[in-house]
Amino acid sequence: MNTPHYDIIIIGTGAGGGTLAYRLAPTGKKILILERGSFLPREKANWDTVEVVQKDRYHTNEVWYDQKGHQIHPGTGYFVGGNTKVYGGALFRWRDRDFETVIHKDGISPEWPLKYHDFEPYYTEAEKLYEVHGKRGVDPTEPPASEDYPYAAIRHEPRIQEIHDSLKEEGYHPFYLPLAIKLNEVNRRLSNCIRCNTCDGFPCLLDGKADADVTCVRPSENYENVTLLTEAKVKRLHTSPSGKEVTSVETEINGETHFFYSDIVVVSCGAINSAALLLRSVSDRHPQGLANSSDQVGRNFMKHQNGAIIGVSTKPNLTSFQKTLAVNDFYWGDDDFDYPMGHVQLLGKVNADMIAQESPSVLGISFQDKHTFEAIASHSIDWWLTAEDLPDPNNRVTLRGDSIQLNYTENNTTAYNRLLQRWIQILKTIGCGDRIIPCSFYFRKKLPLQGVAHQCGTCRFGTDSTTSVLDLNCRTHDVDNLYVVDGSFFRSSAAVNPTLTIIANALRVGDHLIERMS
């Protein structure tokens, strides 16, 4: 194979790599994008709960391991667009205080070398690019913004509006969830989204999500200088004899090994796989893994303390598109708790097949008793809770042979548990609208280790090369032409979805690379 030389190779097409490709495509530089997966097929199964949830159709069949050597089946997928293909589209700016040192009950969230004002113009640009719908001035914790949301907030359906009004009556501050979806509620003919009940966690058959594939990768392919290779799995990165620059990217395509060459290489595989790729790329000059003289590659893995509450009311919930409301009243604490607790938002509407998948052992109901599950689902309000996951150097990505191992122990559980109990208390107070819900009708589930959608922190950035992997432009300290552009660079995880910060950072690093290549 006669392999050409590229100006830049981007490995991965998710929120980081896909957005970076979009930023660089108009430069005319010769760009190669390598994606280990294919385009996610548009098929009826996109909206089939049994296929998506019970059969895990769009997640990898790879086996990873935990620190005890037990198998993990990770909730991650390899497609063009990465995990944004199945995300719920909630795109939050971090609070301005999230970039400072934050004292938690169980530890410290460290200060960032860059602050909110460094990211603010890129947040604004990211919201425009990903068509975020929202409303400023309602969330009491929101940071300052130079512009309004580019699109109006998504309206609540009647049952959710009741919940919103009940929360306000009790003195809380519900607000519209900022969502990246292709929805026009004024002129539906201009809308891809149809407000269906299979959005959060599902691929979209109608390309109704503003994901990295639809928003960034496909437009990038229109440029003649951009080449996308799918089903191209990068195995290792090779360096020059000095170890100071990457010289080739070893890639497996259709069972054959190919080497690609470039002036600059960007790793955007997601925090876990990016760290794993660097660790696999050992050499005489990099015996602990590529760019790992600090021994920080893979360390400080974070994924959030995430969990769900399903509250069942006597009043039916006929909502289809439920994921429109969030609450941050306890983001920085509570009257009797002076430490951050976290964030609450609605989930996409659960259905009988989801309840059947998660709840038989809890409820003592036969898996085949679909009528009972349908009754529960048709009366439920479904919530998602997020508390910050604190960086811990012992929480790390390592290798077990050629497989990934996640050595991870939960932390900051006090905050999560207080948020959980506080939210259940509030739901009892407002009664999900009818004020007669018995406590036994609250079902809860905390996301296990395999739930890695919010992965971040494995190649943290900083100014000290002995304690960080990347510099402030996300270039590795050890290798001059190697960058990591995904959630790996995070120094902390905050308590809201990480995706908008990943997108904003990709735009920021893109500007740096444009200047470098000029």
Protein backbone atom coordinates (compact mmCIF):
# COMPACT_ATOMS: atom_id res chain seq x y z
CA MET A 1 0.00 0.00 0.00
CA ASN A 2 1.47 3.35 -1.03
CA THR A 3 0.72 5.38 2.09
CA PRO A 4 0.82 9.17 1.70
CA HIS A 5 2.18 11.51 4.33
CA TYR A 6 -0.40 13.64 6.18
CA ASP A 7 -0.16 16.95 7.94
CA ILE A 8 -2.24 15.62 10.81
CA ILE A 9 -3.77 12.30 11.85
CA ILE A 10 -6.76 12.28 14.22
CA ILE A 11 -7.52 8.98 15.93
CA GLY A 12 -11.18 8.85 16.95
CA THR A 13 -14.34 10.69 15.88
CA GLY A 14 -16.21 11.42 19.11
CA ALA A 15 -16.84 14.76 20.79
CA GLY A 16 -13.11 15.50 20.82
CA GLY A 17 -11.81 14.06 17.57
CA GLY A 18 -14.91 14.77 15.49
CA THR A 19 -15.04 18.40 16.61
CA LEU A 20 -11.31 18.87 16.03
CA ALA A 21 -11.63 17.47 12.50
CA TYR A 22 -14.42 19.97 11.81
CA ARG A 23 -12.27 22.83 13.08
CA LEU A 24 -9.24 21.84 10.97
CA ALA A 25 -11.00 20.74 7.75
CA PRO A 26 -11.19 24.25 6.19
CA THR A 27 -7.41 24.80 6.59
CA GLY A 28 -6.54 22.82 3.47
CA LYS A 29 -4.09 20.72 5.47
CA LYS A 30 -3.97 17.04 4.59
CA ILE A 31 -5.97 15.31 7.33
CA LEU A 32 -6.46 11.60 7.98
CA ILE A 33 -9.17 10.52 10.42
CA LEU A 34 -8.92 6.96 11.73
CA GLU A 35 -12.03 5.43 13.31
CA ARG A 36 -11.99 1.87 14.65
CA GLY A 37 -15.74 1.49 14.09
CA SER A 38 -18.09 1.96 11.17
CA PHE A 39 -20.97 4.36 10.68
CA LEU A 40 -23.74 3.31 13.02
CA PRO A 41 -26.42 1.70 10.85
CA ARG A 42 -29.75 3.48 10.50
CA GLU A 43 -32.18 0.63 11.16
CA LYS A 44 -35.44 -0.07 12.93
CA ALA A 45 -33.45 -1.50 15.83
CA ASN A 46 -32.25 2.05 16.63
CA TRP A 47 -35.56 2.54 18.45
CA ASP A 48 -36.03 -1.00 19.78
CA THR A 49 -35.59 -1.13 23.56
CA VAL A 50 -35.03 -4.89 23.62
CA GLU A 51 -32.21 -4.56 21.09
CA VAL A 52 -30.66 -1.39 22.54
CA VAL A 53 -31.07 -1.99 26.28
CA GLN A 54 -31.51 -5.69 26.86
CA LYS A 55 -29.28 -6.99 24.06
CA ASP A 56 -26.77 -4.11 24.21
CA ARG A 57 -26.76 -3.92 20.43
CA TYR A 58 -24.64 -0.78 20.05
CA HIS A 59 -22.05 -1.40 22.74
CA THR A 60 -18.78 -3.19 22.17
CA ASN A 61 -18.49 -6.90 22.93
CA GLU A 62 -15.00 -6.33 24.32
CA VAL A 63 -14.28 -7.68 27.77
CA TRP A 64 -12.47 -5.42 30.23
CA TYR A 65 -11.50 -6.22 33.82
CA ASP A 66 -11.81 -4.59 37.21
CA GLN A 67 -9.04 -4.43 39.80
CA LYS A 68 -9.95 -7.87 41.12
CA GLY A 69 -9.76 -9.44 37.67
CA HIS A 70 -13.52 -9.74 37.27
CA GLN A 71 -14.91 -9.22 33.77
CA ILE A 72 -16.55 -5.93 32.81
CA HIS A 73 -18.77 -5.43 29.76
CA PRO A 74 -18.27 -1.69 29.17
CA GLY A 75 -21.10 0.58 28.14
CA THR A 76 -19.19 2.12 25.27
CA GLY A 77 -19.53 1.89 21.51
CA TYR A 78 -17.21 2.23 18.53
CA PHE A 79 -18.87 4.12 15.72
CA VAL A 80 -18.27 7.31 13.78
CA GLY A 81 -19.30 9.94 16.34
CA GLY A 82 -18.27 7.79 19.28
CA ASN A 83 -20.55 7.74 22.29
CA THR A 84 -22.34 10.89 21.13
CA LYS A 85 -24.33 8.58 18.84
CA VAL A 86 -26.28 7.38 21.88
CA TYR A 87 -25.94 10.32 24.28
CA GLY A 88 -28.93 12.19 25.63
CA GLY A 89 -27.65 15.45 24.19
CA ALA A 90 -27.38 17.32 27.52
CA LEU A 91 -24.59 19.88 26.95
CA PHE A 92 -23.69 21.85 30.08
CA ARG A 93 -21.15 24.55 30.64
CA TRP A 94 -19.18 23.94 33.78
CA ARG A 95 -19.86 26.39 36.59
CA ASP A 96 -17.11 29.03 36.89
CA ARG A 97 -16.24 27.69 40.38
CA ASP A 98 -15.71 24.22 38.92
CA PHE A 99 -12.35 25.44 37.57
CA GLU A 100 -11.19 26.49 41.06
CA THR A 101 -10.16 24.40 44.07
CA VAL A 102 -13.36 22.97 45.58
CA ILE A 103 -13.45 21.38 49.01
CA HIS A 104 -15.72 18.33 49.21
CA LYS A 105 -16.75 16.36 52.27
CA ASP A 106 -14.61 13.44 51.10
CA GLY A 107 -11.72 15.24 49.40
CA ILE A 108 -10.57 18.04 47.13
CA SER A 109 -11.38 18.87 43.53
CA PRO A 110 -8.17 20.55 42.26
CA GLU A 111 -7.78 23.91 40.58
CA TRP A 112 -7.37 24.08 36.81
CA PRO A 113 -4.52 26.06 35.23
CA LEU A 114 -7.08 27.54 32.82
CA LYS A 115 -10.27 29.14 34.08
CA TYR A 116 -13.86 29.52 32.97
CA HIS A 117 -13.11 32.73 31.07
CA ASP A 118 -10.55 30.81 28.96
CA PHE A 119 -13.26 28.38 27.87
CA GLU A 120 -16.22 30.79 27.66
CA PRO A 121 -15.82 31.87 24.01
CA TYR A 122 -15.40 28.23 23.02
CA TYR A 123 -18.47 27.23 25.03
CA THR A 124 -20.40 29.84 23.07
CA GLU A 125 -19.09 28.52 19.77
CA ALA A 126 -19.72 24.91 20.80
CA GLU A 127 -23.35 25.68 21.67
CA LYS A 128 -23.85 27.16 18.22
CA LEU A 129 -22.13 24.29 16.44
CA TYR A 130 -24.11 21.60 18.32
CA GLU A 131 -27.42 23.53 18.11
CA VAL A 132 -28.00 23.68 21.86
CA HIS A 133 -31.50 24.64 23.02
CA GLY A 134 -31.83 26.31 26.42
CA LYS A 135 -32.75 29.38 28.44
CA ARG A 136 -30.39 31.60 30.41
CA GLY A 137 -31.16 33.16 33.77
CA VAL A 138 -33.14 30.34 35.36
CA ASP A 139 -30.43 28.06 36.78
CA PRO A 140 -29.08 29.86 39.89
CA THR A 141 -25.64 28.26 39.48
CA GLU A 142 -25.13 29.03 35.80
CA PRO A 143 -21.92 30.86 34.88
CA PRO A 144 -21.84 34.16 32.98
CA ALA A 145 -22.33 33.82 29.22
CA SER A 146 -21.44 36.26 26.46
CA GLU A 147 -24.44 35.21 24.36
CA ASP A 148 -27.84 33.62 24.79
CA TYR A 149 -28.42 30.02 23.75
CA PRO A 150 -28.61 29.79 19.96
CA TYR A 151 -31.99 28.00 20.11
CA ALA A 152 -35.00 28.37 22.38
CA ALA A 153 -35.52 25.92 25.22
CA ILE A 154 -37.40 22.69 24.53
CA ARG A 155 -40.89 23.00 26.01
CA HIS A 156 -42.04 20.70 28.78
CA GLU A 157 -44.89 18.29 28.10
CA PRO A 158 -47.91 18.71 30.44
CA ARG A 159 -46.87 16.21 33.14
CA ILE A 160 -43.35 17.63 33.31
CA GLN A 161 -44.74 21.16 33.44
CA GLU A 162 -46.71 20.06 36.52
CA ILE A 163 -43.50 18.81 38.14
CA HIS A 164 -41.77 22.06 37.22
CA ASP A 165 -44.57 24.12 38.78
CA SER A 166 -44.63 21.96 41.94
CA LEU A 167 -40.88 22.39 42.41
CA LYS A 168 -41.17 26.16 42.01
CA GLU A 169 -44.00 26.28 44.54
CA GLU A 170 -41.69 24.60 47.05
CA GLY A 171 -39.01 27.24 46.45
CA TYR A 172 -36.69 25.32 44.12
CA HIS A 173 -35.30 26.48 40.79
CA PRO A 174 -36.02 23.99 38.00
CA PHE A 175 -34.66 25.01 34.61
CA TYR A 176 -34.71 23.83 31.02
CA LEU A 177 -32.11 21.19 30.25
CA PRO A 178 -29.67 22.44 27.56
CA LEU A 179 -30.10 19.95 24.73
CA ALA A 180 -28.26 19.38 21.44
CA ILE A 181 -31.04 18.17 19.20
CA LYS A 182 -32.22 19.12 15.73
CA LEU A 183 -35.69 20.27 16.74
CA ASN A 184 -37.67 23.20 15.45
CA GLU A 185 -40.88 23.51 17.47
CA VAL A 186 -42.11 26.45 15.39
CA ASN A 187 -41.77 24.80 11.99
CA ARG A 188 -41.71 21.00 12.28
CA ARG A 189 -40.84 20.67 8.57
CA LEU A 190 -37.40 22.04 9.47
CA SER A 191 -36.97 19.53 12.29
CA ASN A 192 -35.26 16.13 12.25
CA CYS A 193 -36.29 15.41 15.83
CA ILE A 194 -39.86 14.21 16.39
CA ARG A 195 -39.76 14.27 20.23
CA CYS A 196 -39.89 10.50 20.46
CA ASN A 197 -39.53 8.36 23.59
CA THR A 198 -36.33 6.63 22.41
CA CYS A 199 -33.70 9.36 22.50
CA ASP A 200 -31.69 9.20 25.71
CA GLY A 201 -29.36 6.20 25.33
CA PHE A 202 -30.61 5.31 21.84
CA PRO A 203 -29.24 6.04 18.35
CA CYS A 204 -31.50 8.30 16.32
CA LEU A 205 -32.96 6.79 13.17
CA LEU A 206 -33.74 10.30 11.86
CA ASP A 207 -30.36 11.92 12.66
CA GLY A 208 -32.25 14.11 15.11
CA LYS A 209 -29.34 14.47 17.53
CA ALA A 210 -26.61 17.02 17.06
CA ASP A 211 -23.92 14.40 17.59
CA ALA A 212 -20.27 14.46 16.52
CA ASP A 213 -20.98 12.35 13.43
CA VAL A 214 -23.85 14.41 12.01
CA THR A 215 -22.57 17.78 13.19
CA CYS A 216 -18.85 17.50 12.52
CA VAL A 217 -17.55 14.41 10.75
CA ARG A 218 -19.92 14.34 7.79
CA PRO A 219 -19.40 18.05 6.99
CA SER A 220 -15.62 17.52 7.29
CA GLU A 221 -15.76 14.79 4.65
CA ASN A 222 -16.91 17.37 2.11
CA TYR A 223 -13.38 18.78 2.04
CA GLU A 224 -11.03 17.13 -0.46
CA ASN A 225 -8.12 17.39 1.97
CA VAL A 226 -9.90 15.19 4.55
CA THR A 227 -9.78 11.38 4.42
CA LEU A 228 -11.85 9.23 6.79
CA LEU A 229 -10.98 5.55 7.21
CA THR A 230 -13.49 3.49 9.18
CA GLU A 231 -12.93 0.06 10.75
CA ALA A 232 -9.31 1.13 11.17
CA LYS A 233 -8.12 0.18 14.66
CA VAL A 234 -4.91 1.88 15.80
CA LYS A 235 -2.70 -0.61 17.62
CA ARG A 236 0.42 1.38 18.51
CA LEU A 237 2.22 4.65 17.96
CA HIS A 238 5.89 4.48 16.95
CA THR A 239 8.48 7.18 17.55
CA SER A 240 11.81 8.27 16.15
CA PRO A 241 14.98 6.86 17.79
CA SER A 242 15.07 9.91 20.08
CA GLY A 243 11.51 9.23 21.24
CA LYS A 244 10.70 12.92 20.80
CA GLU A 245 8.21 12.62 17.95
CA VAL A 246 5.70 10.09 16.66
CA THR A 247 6.78 8.86 13.25
CA SER A 248 4.09 6.30 12.38
CA VAL A 249 0.66 5.09 13.40
CA GLU A 250 0.28 1.30 13.27
CA THR A 251 -3.26 0.44 12.23
CA GLU A 252 -5.18 -2.78 11.62
CA ILE A 253 -7.58 -2.70 8.66
CA ASN A 254 -9.37 -5.86 7.52
CA GLY A 255 -6.87 -7.98 9.41
CA GLU A 256 -3.86 -6.35 7.76
CA THR A 257 -1.34 -3.97 9.33
CA HIS A 258 -0.78 -0.55 7.78
CA PHE A 259 1.46 2.33 8.84
CA PHE A 260 0.41 5.94 8.42
CA TYR A 261 2.72 8.93 8.67
CA SER A 262 2.04 12.47 9.75
CA ASP A 263 3.63 15.65 11.09
CA ILE A 264 1.15 15.77 14.00
CA VAL A 265 -0.80 12.95 15.65
CA VAL A 266 -3.89 13.53 17.81
CA VAL A 267 -5.25 10.76 20.04
CA SER A 268 -9.01 11.18 20.61
CA CYS A 269 -10.14 7.68 21.58
CA GLY A 270 -11.93 8.60 24.79
CA ALA A 271 -10.18 8.85 28.14
CA ILE A 272 -9.92 5.10 28.71
CA ASN A 273 -8.85 4.00 25.24
CA SER A 274 -6.52 6.99 24.77
CA ALA A 275 -4.64 6.03 27.92
CA ALA A 276 -4.61 2.38 26.85
CA LEU A 277 -3.15 3.27 23.44
CA LEU A 278 -0.33 5.25 25.04
CA LEU A 279 0.36 2.42 27.49
CA ARG A 280 0.51 -0.10 24.63
CA SER A 281 3.00 2.07 22.73
CA VAL A 282 5.99 1.14 24.86
CA SER A 283 9.52 1.44 23.50
CA ASP A 284 13.08 1.72 24.73
CA ARG A 285 12.63 5.47 25.08
CA HIS A 286 9.19 5.12 26.65
CA PRO A 287 9.38 1.95 28.78
CA GLN A 288 6.28 2.85 30.87
CA GLY A 289 4.20 3.75 27.83
CA LEU A 290 4.33 6.61 25.40
CA ALA A 291 4.51 10.11 26.94
CA ASN A 292 4.50 8.59 30.41
CA SER A 293 7.73 9.76 32.05
CA SER A 294 5.50 11.22 34.80
CA ASP A 295 3.81 7.84 35.41
CA GLN A 296 0.51 9.72 35.14
CA VAL A 297 -0.90 8.11 31.98
CA GLY A 298 -4.05 6.25 32.99
CA ARG A 299 -4.17 7.72 36.49
CA ASN A 300 -6.93 9.89 37.99
CA PHE A 301 -9.63 8.09 36.02
CA MET A 302 -13.06 9.60 36.77
CA LYS A 303 -16.55 8.69 35.58
CA HIS A 304 -18.92 10.50 38.00
CA GLN A 305 -21.10 9.08 40.74
CA ASN A 306 -24.21 8.50 38.64
CA GLY A 307 -27.52 6.91 39.45
CA ALA A 308 -31.21 6.81 38.59
CA ILE A 309 -34.38 7.23 40.65
CA ILE A 310 -37.71 6.07 39.28
CA GLY A 311 -40.58 7.57 41.23
CA VAL A 312 -43.98 5.99 40.65
CA SER A 313 -47.11 8.05 41.15
CA THR A 314 -50.82 7.23 41.11
CA LYS A 315 -51.12 9.80 38.33
CA PRO A 316 -50.27 8.63 34.80
CA ASN A 317 -47.31 10.12 32.99
CA LEU A 318 -48.08 10.27 29.27
CA THR A 319 -44.89 12.18 28.46
CA SER A 320 -43.02 11.06 25.37
CA PHE A 321 -39.96 13.36 25.32
CA GLN A 322 -39.26 13.65 29.05
CA LYS A 323 -35.66 14.88 29.19
CA THR A 324 -36.32 18.63 29.42
CA LEU A 325 -35.87 19.63 33.08
CA ALA A 326 -32.97 19.87 35.55
CA VAL A 327 -32.29 21.15 39.08
CA ASN A 328 -29.04 22.50 40.53
CA ASP A 329 -30.29 23.74 43.92
CA PHE A 330 -27.93 21.33 45.67
CA TYR A 331 -24.96 21.68 43.35
CA TRP A 332 -22.94 23.53 46.01
CA GLY A 333 -24.60 22.02 49.08
CA ASP A 334 -27.65 22.36 51.30
CA ASP A 335 -28.71 24.28 54.40
CA ASP A 336 -27.20 21.64 56.70
CA PHE A 337 -24.37 20.48 54.40
CA ASP A 338 -21.67 22.98 53.40
CA TYR A 339 -20.16 20.83 50.66
CA PRO A 340 -21.15 20.23 47.03
CA MET A 341 -23.75 17.52 46.46
CA GLY A 342 -24.47 17.45 42.74
CA HIS A 343 -26.89 17.76 39.87
CA VAL A 344 -30.36 16.36 39.05
CA GLN A 345 -31.95 16.01 35.62
CA LEU A 346 -34.77 14.06 34.05
CA LEU A 347 -33.99 10.89 32.15
CA GLY A 348 -35.50 9.95 28.86
CA LYS A 349 -38.84 8.24 29.55
CA VAL A 350 -38.40 4.67 30.73
CA ASN A 351 -40.65 1.98 29.30
CA ALA A 352 -41.75 -1.52 30.31
CA ASP A 353 -38.77 -3.24 28.69
CA MET A 354 -36.33 -1.00 30.57
CA ILE A 355 -38.09 -1.66 33.87
CA ALA A 356 -38.07 -5.38 33.13
CA GLN A 357 -34.34 -5.29 32.42
CA GLU A 358 -33.40 -3.53 35.65
CA SER A 359 -35.99 -4.29 38.30
CA PRO A 360 -37.24 -7.91 38.63
CA SER A 361 -34.90 -8.77 41.51
CA VAL A 362 -35.90 -5.60 43.35
CA LEU A 363 -39.62 -5.87 42.82
CA GLY A 364 -40.04 -9.63 43.00
CA ILE A 365 -41.92 -9.53 39.71
CA SER A 366 -41.57 -12.14 36.99
CA PHE A 367 -39.54 -10.93 34.03
CA GLN A 368 -42.44 -12.02 31.81
CA ASP A 369 -45.06 -9.98 33.70
CA LYS A 370 -45.08 -7.20 31.13
CA HIS A 371 -48.43 -5.76 32.19
CA THR A 372 -47.04 -4.90 35.61
CA PHE A 373 -43.97 -3.29 34.08
CA GLU A 374 -46.15 -1.32 31.67
CA ALA A 375 -48.24 -0.05 34.59
CA ILE A 376 -45.14 1.06 36.48
CA ALA A 377 -43.58 2.75 33.45
CA SER A 378 -46.77 4.58 32.54
CA HIS A 379 -46.90 6.18 36.02
CA SER A 380 -43.21 6.91 36.59
CA ILE A 381 -41.13 10.08 36.62
CA ASP A 382 -37.51 9.19 35.92
CA TRP A 383 -34.49 11.08 37.26
CA TRP A 384 -30.71 11.03 36.81
CA LEU A 385 -28.39 12.11 39.62
CA THR A 386 -24.74 13.12 39.24
CA ALA A 387 -22.19 13.79 41.97
CA GLU A 388 -18.57 14.66 41.34
CA ASP A 389 -16.00 11.88 41.09
CA LEU A 390 -12.76 13.11 42.67
CA PRO A 391 -9.38 12.47 41.03
CA ASP A 392 -7.42 9.68 42.72
CA PRO A 393 -4.07 8.51 41.29
CA ASN A 394 -4.94 4.96 42.30
CA ASN A 395 -8.07 5.04 40.14
CA ARG A 396 -6.39 4.22 36.90
CA VAL A 397 -6.47 2.55 33.51
CA THR A 398 -3.95 -0.26 33.13
CA LEU A 399 -3.49 -3.18 30.76
CA ARG A 400 -4.20 -6.84 31.38
CA GLY A 401 -2.48 -8.44 28.42
CA ASP A 402 -4.06 -6.72 25.44
CA SER A 403 -7.24 -5.94 27.41
CA ILE A 404 -8.13 -2.90 29.50
CA GLN A 405 -8.26 -3.06 33.28
CA LEU A 406 -9.97 -0.38 35.37
CA ASN A 407 -8.61 -0.13 38.89
CA TYR A 408 -11.28 1.93 40.57
CA THR A 409 -12.64 2.59 44.05
CA GLU A 410 -15.61 4.90 44.52
CA ASN A 411 -15.11 8.19 46.32
CA ASN A 412 -17.20 11.22 47.26
CA THR A 413 -20.02 8.84 48.10
CA THR A 414 -21.20 11.04 50.98
CA ALA A 415 -22.23 13.74 48.51
CA TYR A 416 -24.00 11.30 46.22
CA ASN A 417 -25.88 9.61 49.07
CA ARG A 418 -27.02 12.95 50.49
CA LEU A 419 -28.21 14.07 47.07
CA LEU A 420 -30.10 10.80 46.62
CA GLN A 421 -31.87 11.06 49.96
CA ARG A 422 -32.56 14.77 49.54
CA TRP A 423 -34.13 14.26 46.14
CA ILE A 424 -36.34 11.42 47.36
CA GLN A 425 -37.44 13.70 50.20
CA ILE A 426 -38.35 16.42 47.71
CA LEU A 427 -40.26 13.99 45.51
CA LYS A 428 -42.27 12.97 48.56
CA THR A 429 -42.95 16.61 49.32
CA ILE A 430 -44.20 17.46 45.85
CA GLY A 431 -45.72 13.98 45.46
CA CYS A 432 -44.73 13.94 41.80
CA GLY A 433 -47.85 16.06 41.41
CA ASP A 434 -50.39 14.13 43.51
CA ARG A 435 -48.78 14.06 47.00
CA ILE A 436 -49.71 10.45 47.86
CA ILE A 437 -46.71 8.39 46.78
CA PRO A 438 -45.65 5.71 49.28
CA CYS A 439 -41.89 5.48 49.86
CA SER A 440 -41.77 1.89 48.66
CA PHE A 441 -42.52 3.12 45.18
CA TYR A 442 -39.12 4.72 44.70
CA PHE A 443 -36.68 2.54 42.79
CA ARG A 444 -33.04 3.51 42.56
CA LYS A 445 -29.96 2.20 40.80
CA LYS A 446 -26.40 3.43 40.94
CA LEU A 447 -24.40 3.08 37.75
CA PRO A 448 -21.77 0.31 38.09
CA LEU A 449 -18.16 0.50 36.95
CA GLN A 450 -19.04 -0.53 33.40
CA GLY A 451 -21.03 2.70 33.00
CA VAL A 452 -18.21 4.80 31.56
CA ALA A 453 -20.06 7.34 29.41
CA HIS A 454 -18.63 10.23 31.47
CA GLN A 455 -15.03 8.96 31.43
CA CYS A 456 -12.33 11.58 31.91
CA GLY A 457 -9.05 12.44 33.58
CA THR A 458 -6.52 9.80 32.48
CA CYS A 459 -4.00 12.21 30.85
CA ARG A 460 -4.47 15.36 32.89
CA PHE A 461 -3.08 18.64 31.61
CA GLY A 462 -0.89 21.05 33.55
CA THR A 463 2.29 23.10 33.61
CA ASP A 464 4.42 20.61 35.58
CA SER A 465 5.66 17.71 33.45
CA THR A 466 6.28 15.58 36.55
CA THR A 467 2.63 15.65 37.63
CA SER A 468 0.77 15.91 34.29
CA VAL A 469 0.82 14.25 30.87
CA LEU A 470 -0.22 17.21 28.70
CA ASP A 471 0.65 20.89 28.53
CA LEU A 472 -2.02 23.58 28.42
CA ASN A 473 -2.54 23.01 24.66
CA CYS A 474 -3.02 19.27 25.27
CA ARG A 475 0.34 18.41 23.69
CA THR A 476 2.20 15.69 25.56
CA HIS A 477 5.13 17.00 27.57
CA ASP A 478 7.36 14.15 26.34
CA VAL A 479 6.53 14.01 22.61
CA ASP A 480 6.53 17.19 20.55
CA ASN A 481 4.00 16.24 17.88
CA LEU A 482 1.57 14.18 19.96
CA TYR A 483 -1.70 15.59 21.33
CA VAL A 484 -4.59 14.08 23.31
CA VAL A 485 -7.95 15.75 22.65
CA ASP A 486 -10.88 14.17 24.52
CA GLY A 487 -11.91 13.95 28.18
CA SER A 488 -8.45 12.70 29.16
CA PHE A 489 -7.16 16.21 29.90
CA PHE A 490 -9.64 16.90 32.74
CA ARG A 491 -8.13 17.61 36.18
CA SER A 492 -11.52 17.19 37.88
CA SER A 493 -14.94 16.03 36.77
CA ALA A 494 -17.40 18.64 38.17
CA ALA A 495 -20.97 17.35 38.52
CA VAL A 496 -22.50 18.00 35.12
CA ASN A 497 -22.11 16.18 31.82
CA PRO A 498 -18.54 16.55 30.44
CA THR A 499 -19.32 16.62 26.71
CA LEU A 500 -19.63 20.37 26.10
CA THR A 501 -16.30 20.97 27.83
CA ILE A 502 -14.69 18.30 25.61
CA ILE A 503 -16.17 19.99 22.52
CA ALA A 504 -15.10 23.48 23.64
CA ASN A 505 -11.58 22.26 24.36
CA ALA A 506 -11.35 20.61 20.93
CA LEU A 507 -12.19 23.95 19.33
CA ARG A 508 -9.59 25.65 21.54
CA VAL A 509 -6.85 23.13 20.70
CA GLY A 510 -7.89 23.34 17.05
CA ASP A 511 -7.03 27.04 17.06
CA HIS A 512 -3.63 26.24 18.54
CA LEU A 513 -2.97 23.60 15.87
CA ILE A 514 -4.00 25.96 13.08
CA GLU A 515 -1.44 28.44 14.37
CA ARG A 516 1.20 25.73 14.71
CA MET A 517 0.67 24.45 11.17
CA SER A 518 0.54 27.90 9.56
